[in-house]
């Protein structure tokens, strides 16, 4: 494999050019200068120090990273669509559950109201209560007219 320049080494590893140059100057990475002054870095030496991301882009593989990004984007889009579909199904399930509980609550309220109507007498107004007391032989304040009758009933009940 041909030697890497500083720029192609940077692309192959994902490290910045300055990071690779510092490694060369510090002696952690061995490299030589070619005739025009560019650094020539052996691939095995480079990958010993910096992990490889991908091979440098050549005309044959120039479209490969773009295709990989498109494939990755397609996978992510598919996953997001699945998550959205799951959330929508969950919302539909929650709506059905809410409607079920709301209908049960309304049935319970109707049953409670029916029971209350059976147990309690209908509410009366003060004028209705006064009319009932006067019609049963009493006065408007609710006392019976015949005190003798009331006393006789009391004596009979205690006796």
N, C-alpha and C. Protein backbone atom coordinates (compact mmCIF):
# COMPACT_ATOMS: atom_id res chain seq x y z
N UNK A 1 0.85 -1.17 0.00
CA UNK A 1 0.00 0.00 0.00
C UNK A 1 0.90 1.23 0.00
N UNK A 2 0.54 2.26 -0.77
CA UNK A 2 1.40 3.45 -0.83
C UNK A 2 1.36 4.21 0.49
N UNK A 3 2.35 5.02 0.69
CA UNK A 3 2.46 5.81 1.91
C UNK A 3 1.42 6.93 1.90
N UNK A 4 0.99 7.28 3.10
CA UNK A 4 0.02 8.36 3.26
C UNK A 4 0.74 9.69 3.37
N UNK A 5 0.08 10.74 2.84
CA UNK A 5 0.53 12.09 3.14
C UNK A 5 -0.17 12.51 4.43
N UNK A 6 0.16 13.68 4.92
CA UNK A 6 -0.45 14.15 6.15
C UNK A 6 -1.97 14.29 5.98
N UNK A 7 -2.43 14.79 4.83
CA UNK A 7 -3.87 14.97 4.59
C UNK A 7 -4.61 13.66 4.45
N UNK A 8 -4.04 12.71 3.68
CA UNK A 8 -4.73 11.41 3.52
C UNK A 8 -4.70 10.62 4.82
N UNK A 9 -3.64 10.77 5.62
CA UNK A 9 -3.59 10.11 6.92
C UNK A 9 -4.67 10.66 7.84
N UNK A 10 -4.90 11.95 7.74
CA UNK A 10 -5.94 12.58 8.54
C UNK A 10 -7.32 12.04 8.14
N UNK A 11 -7.54 11.91 6.84
CA UNK A 11 -8.83 11.38 6.37
C UNK A 11 -9.01 9.92 6.76
N UNK A 12 -7.92 9.14 6.71
CA UNK A 12 -8.02 7.71 7.00
C UNK A 12 -8.28 7.43 8.47
N UNK A 13 -7.81 8.29 9.34
CA UNK A 13 -7.95 8.03 10.78
C UNK A 13 -8.99 8.90 11.45
N UNK A 14 -9.34 10.01 10.85
CA UNK A 14 -10.27 10.92 11.50
C UNK A 14 -9.58 11.85 12.47
N UNK A 15 -8.26 11.74 12.60
CA UNK A 15 -7.50 12.65 13.46
C UNK A 15 -7.16 13.90 12.67
N UNK A 16 -6.97 14.97 13.35
CA UNK A 16 -6.59 16.21 12.69
C UNK A 16 -5.14 16.11 12.21
N UNK A 17 -4.83 16.89 11.17
CA UNK A 17 -3.46 16.90 10.63
C UNK A 17 -2.46 17.33 11.70
N UNK A 18 -2.87 18.30 12.50
CA UNK A 18 -1.96 18.80 13.54
C UNK A 18 -1.69 17.72 14.59
N UNK A 19 -2.66 16.86 14.87
CA UNK A 19 -2.45 15.78 15.83
C UNK A 19 -1.44 14.78 15.29
N UNK A 20 -1.57 14.44 14.02
CA UNK A 20 -0.64 13.49 13.41
C UNK A 20 0.77 14.11 13.35
N UNK A 21 0.86 15.39 12.98
CA UNK A 21 2.15 16.06 12.92
C UNK A 21 2.81 16.12 14.30
N UNK A 22 2.03 16.37 15.35
CA UNK A 22 2.58 16.37 16.72
C UNK A 22 3.11 14.99 17.09
N UNK A 23 2.38 13.93 16.67
CA UNK A 23 2.85 12.56 16.95
C UNK A 23 4.17 12.28 16.23
N UNK A 24 4.30 12.80 15.02
CA UNK A 24 5.55 12.62 14.27
C UNK A 24 6.69 13.36 14.97
N UNK A 25 6.45 14.60 15.34
CA UNK A 25 7.49 15.42 15.98
C UNK A 25 7.87 14.86 17.35
N UNK A 26 6.89 14.24 18.06
CA UNK A 26 7.18 13.69 19.39
C UNK A 26 7.85 12.32 19.28
N UNK A 27 7.86 11.72 18.09
CA UNK A 27 8.52 10.44 17.92
C UNK A 27 7.60 9.25 18.14
N UNK A 28 6.34 9.48 18.40
CA UNK A 28 5.40 8.37 18.58
C UNK A 28 5.05 7.72 17.25
N UNK A 29 5.22 8.47 16.15
CA UNK A 29 4.87 8.00 14.81
C UNK A 29 6.06 8.27 13.90
N UNK A 30 6.54 7.23 13.20
CA UNK A 30 7.69 7.45 12.31
C UNK A 30 7.19 7.78 10.92
N UNK A 31 7.81 8.79 10.30
CA UNK A 31 7.45 9.23 8.97
C UNK A 31 8.68 9.86 8.34
N UNK A 32 8.68 9.93 7.03
CA UNK A 32 9.80 10.54 6.31
C UNK A 32 9.26 11.63 5.41
N UNK A 33 10.17 12.54 5.06
CA UNK A 33 9.79 13.59 4.11
C UNK A 33 10.22 13.15 2.73
N UNK A 34 9.34 13.39 1.74
CA UNK A 34 9.70 13.03 0.37
C UNK A 34 10.43 14.18 -0.31
N UNK A 35 10.60 14.10 -1.64
CA UNK A 35 11.39 15.09 -2.38
C UNK A 35 10.80 16.49 -2.34
N UNK A 36 9.48 16.58 -2.29
CA UNK A 36 8.86 17.91 -2.33
C UNK A 36 8.53 18.44 -0.94
N UNK A 37 8.92 17.72 0.11
CA UNK A 37 8.75 18.21 1.47
C UNK A 37 7.49 17.71 2.16
N UNK A 38 6.75 16.83 1.52
CA UNK A 38 5.56 16.29 2.18
C UNK A 38 5.95 15.07 3.01
N UNK A 39 5.15 14.84 4.03
CA UNK A 39 5.39 13.70 4.90
C UNK A 39 4.89 12.43 4.21
N UNK A 40 5.66 11.37 4.30
CA UNK A 40 5.26 10.05 3.81
C UNK A 40 5.14 9.14 5.03
N UNK A 41 3.91 8.69 5.30
CA UNK A 41 3.63 7.92 6.52
C UNK A 41 3.23 6.52 6.09
N UNK A 42 3.90 5.52 6.64
CA UNK A 42 3.57 4.13 6.35
C UNK A 42 2.22 3.79 6.98
N UNK A 43 1.31 3.14 6.22
CA UNK A 43 -0.03 2.85 6.77
C UNK A 43 -0.01 2.02 8.04
N UNK A 44 0.84 1.00 8.10
CA UNK A 44 0.87 0.16 9.31
C UNK A 44 1.34 0.98 10.51
N UNK A 45 2.28 1.86 10.30
CA UNK A 45 2.77 2.72 11.38
C UNK A 45 1.68 3.70 11.82
N UNK A 46 0.94 4.24 10.85
CA UNK A 46 -0.13 5.19 11.16
C UNK A 46 -1.23 4.51 11.97
N UNK A 47 -1.63 3.32 11.52
CA UNK A 47 -2.74 2.63 12.19
C UNK A 47 -2.32 2.04 13.53
N UNK A 48 -1.00 1.94 13.77
CA UNK A 48 -0.52 1.52 15.08
C UNK A 48 -0.81 2.61 16.10
N UNK A 49 -0.69 3.86 15.67
CA UNK A 49 -0.86 4.99 16.59
C UNK A 49 -2.31 5.48 16.60
N UNK A 50 -2.90 5.60 15.43
CA UNK A 50 -4.28 6.11 15.31
C UNK A 50 -5.15 5.03 14.68
N UNK A 51 -6.30 4.72 15.25
CA UNK A 51 -7.16 3.68 14.66
C UNK A 51 -7.71 4.14 13.31
N UNK A 52 -7.87 3.18 12.42
CA UNK A 52 -8.34 3.48 11.06
C UNK A 52 -9.85 3.66 11.05
N UNK A 53 -10.31 4.67 10.34
CA UNK A 53 -11.75 4.84 10.11
C UNK A 53 -12.15 4.12 8.84
N UNK A 54 -11.51 4.49 7.76
CA UNK A 54 -11.79 3.88 6.47
C UNK A 54 -10.59 4.13 5.59
N UNK A 55 -10.54 3.45 4.50
CA UNK A 55 -9.46 3.69 3.55
C UNK A 55 -9.63 5.08 2.96
N UNK A 56 -8.55 5.74 2.59
CA UNK A 56 -8.71 7.06 2.00
C UNK A 56 -9.50 6.98 0.70
N UNK A 57 -10.19 8.02 0.42
CA UNK A 57 -11.06 8.04 -0.75
C UNK A 57 -10.22 8.01 -2.03
N UNK A 58 -10.49 7.03 -2.84
CA UNK A 58 -9.87 6.93 -4.17
C UNK A 58 -10.99 7.09 -5.17
N UNK A 59 -10.69 7.32 -6.42
CA UNK A 59 -11.77 7.47 -7.39
C UNK A 59 -12.73 6.28 -7.40
N UNK A 60 -12.23 5.06 -7.14
CA UNK A 60 -13.11 3.89 -7.15
C UNK A 60 -14.02 3.87 -5.93
N UNK A 61 -13.52 4.38 -4.80
CA UNK A 61 -14.32 4.34 -3.56
C UNK A 61 -14.82 5.72 -3.16
N UNK A 62 -14.78 6.68 -4.03
CA UNK A 62 -15.18 8.03 -3.67
C UNK A 62 -16.65 8.11 -3.32
N UNK A 63 -17.48 7.28 -3.91
CA UNK A 63 -18.92 7.33 -3.63
C UNK A 63 -19.30 6.44 -2.46
N UNK A 64 -18.40 5.60 -2.00
CA UNK A 64 -18.71 4.67 -0.92
C UNK A 64 -19.13 5.38 0.37
N UNK A 65 -18.41 6.39 0.87
CA UNK A 65 -18.87 7.06 2.10
C UNK A 65 -20.24 7.70 1.93
N UNK A 66 -20.51 8.26 0.75
CA UNK A 66 -21.82 8.86 0.51
C UNK A 66 -22.90 7.78 0.53
N UNK A 67 -22.61 6.64 -0.07
CA UNK A 67 -23.58 5.55 -0.09
C UNK A 67 -23.80 5.01 1.32
N UNK A 68 -22.71 4.94 2.12
CA UNK A 68 -22.84 4.48 3.49
C UNK A 68 -23.68 5.44 4.31
N UNK A 69 -23.48 6.75 4.12
CA UNK A 69 -24.29 7.73 4.83
C UNK A 69 -25.75 7.64 4.42
N UNK A 70 -26.00 7.42 3.12
CA UNK A 70 -27.38 7.27 2.66
C UNK A 70 -28.02 6.03 3.26
N UNK A 71 -27.28 4.93 3.31
CA UNK A 71 -27.81 3.70 3.89
C UNK A 71 -28.09 3.89 5.38
N UNK A 72 -27.18 4.56 6.07
CA UNK A 72 -27.38 4.83 7.49
C UNK A 72 -28.60 5.72 7.70
N UNK A 73 -28.74 6.73 6.86
CA UNK A 73 -29.90 7.62 6.97
C UNK A 73 -31.19 6.85 6.71
N UNK A 74 -31.15 5.95 5.72
CA UNK A 74 -32.34 5.14 5.43
C UNK A 74 -32.72 4.27 6.62
N UNK A 75 -31.73 3.67 7.26
CA UNK A 75 -32.00 2.84 8.43
C UNK A 75 -32.59 3.68 9.56
N UNK A 76 -32.01 4.85 9.80
CA UNK A 76 -32.52 5.73 10.86
C UNK A 76 -33.93 6.22 10.56
N UNK A 77 -34.20 6.55 9.31
CA UNK A 77 -35.54 6.99 8.92
C UNK A 77 -36.54 5.86 9.15
N UNK A 78 -36.16 4.63 8.79
CA UNK A 78 -37.06 3.50 9.00
C UNK A 78 -37.34 3.29 10.49
N UNK A 79 -36.30 3.41 11.32
CA UNK A 79 -36.50 3.26 12.76
C UNK A 79 -37.41 4.35 13.30
N UNK A 80 -37.21 5.58 12.86
CA UNK A 80 -38.05 6.68 13.33
C UNK A 80 -39.50 6.49 12.89
N UNK A 81 -39.69 6.01 11.68
CA UNK A 81 -41.07 5.74 11.23
C UNK A 81 -41.72 4.68 12.09
N UNK A 82 -40.95 3.66 12.47
CA UNK A 82 -41.49 2.61 13.33
C UNK A 82 -41.86 3.18 14.70
N UNK A 83 -41.02 4.04 15.24
CA UNK A 83 -41.30 4.65 16.54
C UNK A 83 -42.56 5.51 16.45
N UNK A 84 -42.69 6.27 15.38
CA UNK A 84 -43.89 7.11 15.20
C UNK A 84 -45.13 6.25 15.10
N UNK A 85 -45.05 5.15 14.35
CA UNK A 85 -46.20 4.26 14.22
C UNK A 85 -46.57 3.66 15.58
N UNK A 86 -45.56 3.27 16.37
CA UNK A 86 -45.83 2.72 17.70
C UNK A 86 -46.48 3.77 18.59
N UNK A 87 -46.01 5.00 18.53
CA UNK A 87 -46.61 6.06 19.34
C UNK A 87 -48.05 6.32 18.94
N UNK A 88 -48.31 6.30 17.64
CA UNK A 88 -49.69 6.52 17.19
C UNK A 88 -50.59 5.39 17.65
N UNK A 89 -50.10 4.15 17.57
CA UNK A 89 -50.89 3.02 18.07
C UNK A 89 -51.14 3.17 19.55
N UNK A 90 -50.13 3.62 20.28
CA UNK A 90 -50.29 3.83 21.72
C UNK A 90 -51.33 4.89 22.02
N UNK A 91 -51.35 5.97 21.23
CA UNK A 91 -52.35 7.01 21.43
C UNK A 91 -53.74 6.48 21.15
N UNK A 92 -53.89 5.66 20.10
CA UNK A 92 -55.19 5.08 19.80
C UNK A 92 -55.64 4.17 20.94
N UNK A 93 -54.70 3.38 21.48
CA UNK A 93 -55.04 2.52 22.60
C UNK A 93 -55.46 3.34 23.82
N UNK A 94 -54.76 4.44 24.06
CA UNK A 94 -55.11 5.29 25.20
C UNK A 94 -56.48 5.93 25.01
N UNK A 95 -56.79 6.34 23.77
CA UNK A 95 -58.12 6.92 23.51
C UNK A 95 -59.21 5.88 23.77
N UNK A 96 -59.01 4.65 23.31
CA UNK A 96 -60.00 3.60 23.54
C UNK A 96 -60.16 3.34 25.03
N UNK A 97 -59.05 3.28 25.75
CA UNK A 97 -59.11 3.05 27.19
C UNK A 97 -59.83 4.19 27.89
N UNK A 98 -59.53 5.43 27.49
CA UNK A 98 -60.19 6.59 28.08
C UNK A 98 -61.69 6.55 27.83
N UNK A 99 -62.09 6.23 26.59
CA UNK A 99 -63.51 6.17 26.26
C UNK A 99 -64.22 5.08 27.07
N UNK A 100 -63.53 3.94 27.27
CA UNK A 100 -64.12 2.86 28.06
C UNK A 100 -64.35 3.30 29.49
N UNK A 101 -63.36 3.96 30.10
CA UNK A 101 -63.50 4.41 31.48
C UNK A 101 -64.53 5.53 31.61
N UNK A 102 -64.60 6.38 30.60
CA UNK A 102 -65.58 7.46 30.64
C UNK A 102 -67.00 6.90 30.57
N UNK A 103 -67.23 5.90 29.70
CA UNK A 103 -68.55 5.28 29.60
C UNK A 103 -68.91 4.58 30.91
N UNK A 104 -67.94 3.91 31.53
CA UNK A 104 -68.21 3.24 32.81
C UNK A 104 -68.55 4.27 33.89
N UNK A 105 -67.86 5.39 33.89
CA UNK A 105 -68.14 6.45 34.86
C UNK A 105 -69.55 7.00 34.66
N UNK A 106 -69.94 7.23 33.42
CA UNK A 106 -71.29 7.74 33.15
C UNK A 106 -72.35 6.74 33.57
N UNK A 107 -72.11 5.44 33.35
CA UNK A 107 -73.07 4.42 33.80
C UNK A 107 -73.20 4.43 35.32
N UNK A 108 -72.07 4.55 36.01
CA UNK A 108 -72.10 4.59 37.47
C UNK A 108 -72.83 5.82 37.99
N UNK A 109 -72.64 6.95 37.35
CA UNK A 109 -73.35 8.16 37.76
C UNK A 109 -74.86 7.99 37.57
N UNK A 110 -75.27 7.40 36.45
CA UNK A 110 -76.69 7.19 36.20
C UNK A 110 -77.28 6.22 37.22
N UNK A 111 -76.54 5.15 37.55
CA UNK A 111 -77.03 4.19 38.55
C UNK A 111 -77.12 4.85 39.92
N UNK A 112 -76.16 5.67 40.26
CA UNK A 112 -76.18 6.35 41.55
C UNK A 112 -77.38 7.31 41.63
N UNK A 113 -77.61 8.04 40.55
CA UNK A 113 -78.75 8.97 40.55
C UNK A 113 -80.06 8.21 40.68
N UNK A 114 -80.19 7.06 40.02
CA UNK A 114 -81.42 6.27 40.12
C UNK A 114 -81.61 5.76 41.55
N UNK A 115 -80.54 5.32 42.18
CA UNK A 115 -80.62 4.84 43.56
C UNK A 115 -81.02 5.97 44.50
N UNK A 116 -80.46 7.14 44.30
CA UNK A 116 -80.80 8.27 45.14
C UNK A 116 -82.27 8.66 45.00
N UNK A 117 -82.79 8.55 43.79
CA UNK A 117 -84.21 8.87 43.60
C UNK A 117 -85.10 7.87 44.33
N UNK A 118 -84.65 6.60 44.41
CA UNK A 118 -85.45 5.58 45.10
C UNK A 118 -85.36 5.72 46.62
N UNK A 119 -84.22 6.12 47.13
CA UNK A 119 -84.02 6.16 48.58
C UNK A 119 -84.57 7.42 49.23
N UNK A 120 -84.45 8.55 48.63
CA UNK A 120 -84.82 9.81 49.26
C UNK A 120 -86.16 10.31 48.73
N UNK A 121 -86.93 10.92 49.60
CA UNK A 121 -88.17 11.51 49.11
C UNK A 121 -87.85 12.72 48.25
N UNK A 122 -88.75 13.07 47.38
CA UNK A 122 -88.48 14.24 46.53
C UNK A 122 -88.41 15.49 47.40
N UNK A 123 -87.57 16.42 47.05
CA UNK A 123 -87.46 17.63 47.86
C UNK A 123 -88.74 18.44 47.80
N UNK A 124 -89.09 19.04 48.95
CA UNK A 124 -90.30 19.86 49.02
C UNK A 124 -89.92 21.29 49.34
N UNK A 125 -90.75 22.18 48.91
CA UNK A 125 -90.53 23.59 49.20
C UNK A 125 -91.21 23.91 50.53
N UNK A 126 -90.88 24.99 51.20
CA UNK A 126 -91.52 25.34 52.48
C UNK A 126 -93.04 25.50 52.36
N UNK A 127 -93.53 25.99 51.25
CA UNK A 127 -94.98 26.16 51.10
C UNK A 127 -95.66 24.81 51.02
N UNK A 128 -95.03 23.82 50.39
CA UNK A 128 -95.63 22.48 50.34
C UNK A 128 -95.69 21.86 51.72
N UNK A 129 -94.65 22.05 52.55
CA UNK A 129 -94.64 21.50 53.89
C UNK A 129 -95.75 22.14 54.73
N UNK A 130 -95.96 23.44 54.63
CA UNK A 130 -97.00 24.12 55.39
C UNK A 130 -98.38 23.65 54.98
N UNK A 131 -98.59 23.45 53.68
CA UNK A 131 -99.90 23.01 53.20
C UNK A 131 -100.20 21.60 53.71
N UNK A 132 -99.20 20.74 53.81
CA UNK A 132 -99.40 19.37 54.29
C UNK A 132 -99.75 19.37 55.76
N UNK A 133 -99.09 20.19 56.56
CA UNK A 133 -99.35 20.23 57.99
C UNK A 133 -100.74 20.78 58.30
N UNK A 134 -101.19 21.79 57.59
CA UNK A 134 -102.50 22.37 57.82
C UNK A 134 -103.58 21.38 57.39
N UNK A 135 -103.35 20.67 56.30
CA UNK A 135 -104.35 19.71 55.81
C UNK A 135 -104.49 18.51 56.71
N UNK A 136 -103.52 18.18 57.55
CA UNK A 136 -103.58 17.01 58.42
C UNK A 136 -104.17 17.34 59.78
N UNK A 137 -104.82 18.46 59.91
CA UNK A 137 -105.48 18.81 61.17
C UNK A 137 -104.63 19.67 62.06
N UNK A 138 -103.65 20.33 61.53
CA UNK A 138 -102.80 21.17 62.34
C UNK A 138 -102.92 22.62 61.91
N UNK A 139 -102.20 23.47 62.57
CA UNK A 139 -102.17 24.88 62.22
C UNK A 139 -100.98 25.13 61.30
N UNK A 140 -100.80 26.36 60.89
CA UNK A 140 -99.72 26.70 59.98
C UNK A 140 -98.35 26.48 60.62
N UNK A 141 -98.26 26.57 61.95
CA UNK A 141 -96.97 26.35 62.60
C UNK A 141 -96.73 24.87 62.91
N UNK A 142 -97.65 23.97 62.56
CA UNK A 142 -97.45 22.53 62.68
C UNK A 142 -97.99 21.92 63.95
N UNK A 143 -98.67 22.68 64.86
CA UNK A 143 -99.21 22.10 66.09
C UNK A 143 -100.63 21.62 65.83
N UNK A 144 -101.04 20.48 66.43
CA UNK A 144 -102.42 19.99 66.22
C UNK A 144 -103.44 20.91 66.90
N UNK A 145 -104.67 20.93 66.37
CA UNK A 145 -105.72 21.80 66.91
C UNK A 145 -106.26 21.27 68.24
N UNK A 146 -106.35 20.03 68.34
CA UNK A 146 -106.98 19.45 69.52
C UNK A 146 -105.91 19.02 70.51
N UNK A 147 -105.72 19.82 71.57
CA UNK A 147 -104.71 19.50 72.56
C UNK A 147 -105.11 18.29 73.38
N UNK A 148 -106.37 18.09 73.55
CA UNK A 148 -106.85 16.95 74.30
C UNK A 148 -106.49 15.66 73.59
N UNK A 149 -106.63 15.65 72.26
CA UNK A 149 -106.30 14.47 71.48
C UNK A 149 -104.79 14.19 71.57
N UNK A 150 -104.01 15.24 71.53
CA UNK A 150 -102.56 15.07 71.62
C UNK A 150 -102.18 14.53 73.00
N UNK A 151 -102.79 15.02 74.07
CA UNK A 151 -102.49 14.56 75.42
C UNK A 151 -102.92 13.11 75.59
N UNK A 152 -104.08 12.75 75.08
CA UNK A 152 -104.57 11.38 75.18
C UNK A 152 -103.61 10.40 74.48
N UNK A 153 -103.09 10.79 73.32
CA UNK A 153 -102.14 9.94 72.60
C UNK A 153 -100.84 9.79 73.41
N UNK A 154 -100.44 10.84 74.10
CA UNK A 154 -99.22 10.79 74.88
C UNK A 154 -99.38 9.85 76.09
N UNK A 155 -100.53 9.96 76.73
CA UNK A 155 -100.78 9.10 77.89
C UNK A 155 -100.86 7.63 77.48
N UNK A 156 -101.42 7.38 76.34
CA UNK A 156 -101.54 6.01 75.87
C UNK A 156 -100.16 5.42 75.52
N UNK A 157 -99.27 6.22 75.02
CA UNK A 157 -97.96 5.71 74.62
C UNK A 157 -97.05 5.49 75.82
N UNK A 158 -97.25 6.20 76.91
CA UNK A 158 -96.39 6.05 78.07
C UNK A 158 -96.87 4.98 79.02
N UNK A 159 -98.08 4.60 78.87
CA UNK A 159 -98.72 3.82 79.82
C UNK A 159 -98.69 2.43 79.96
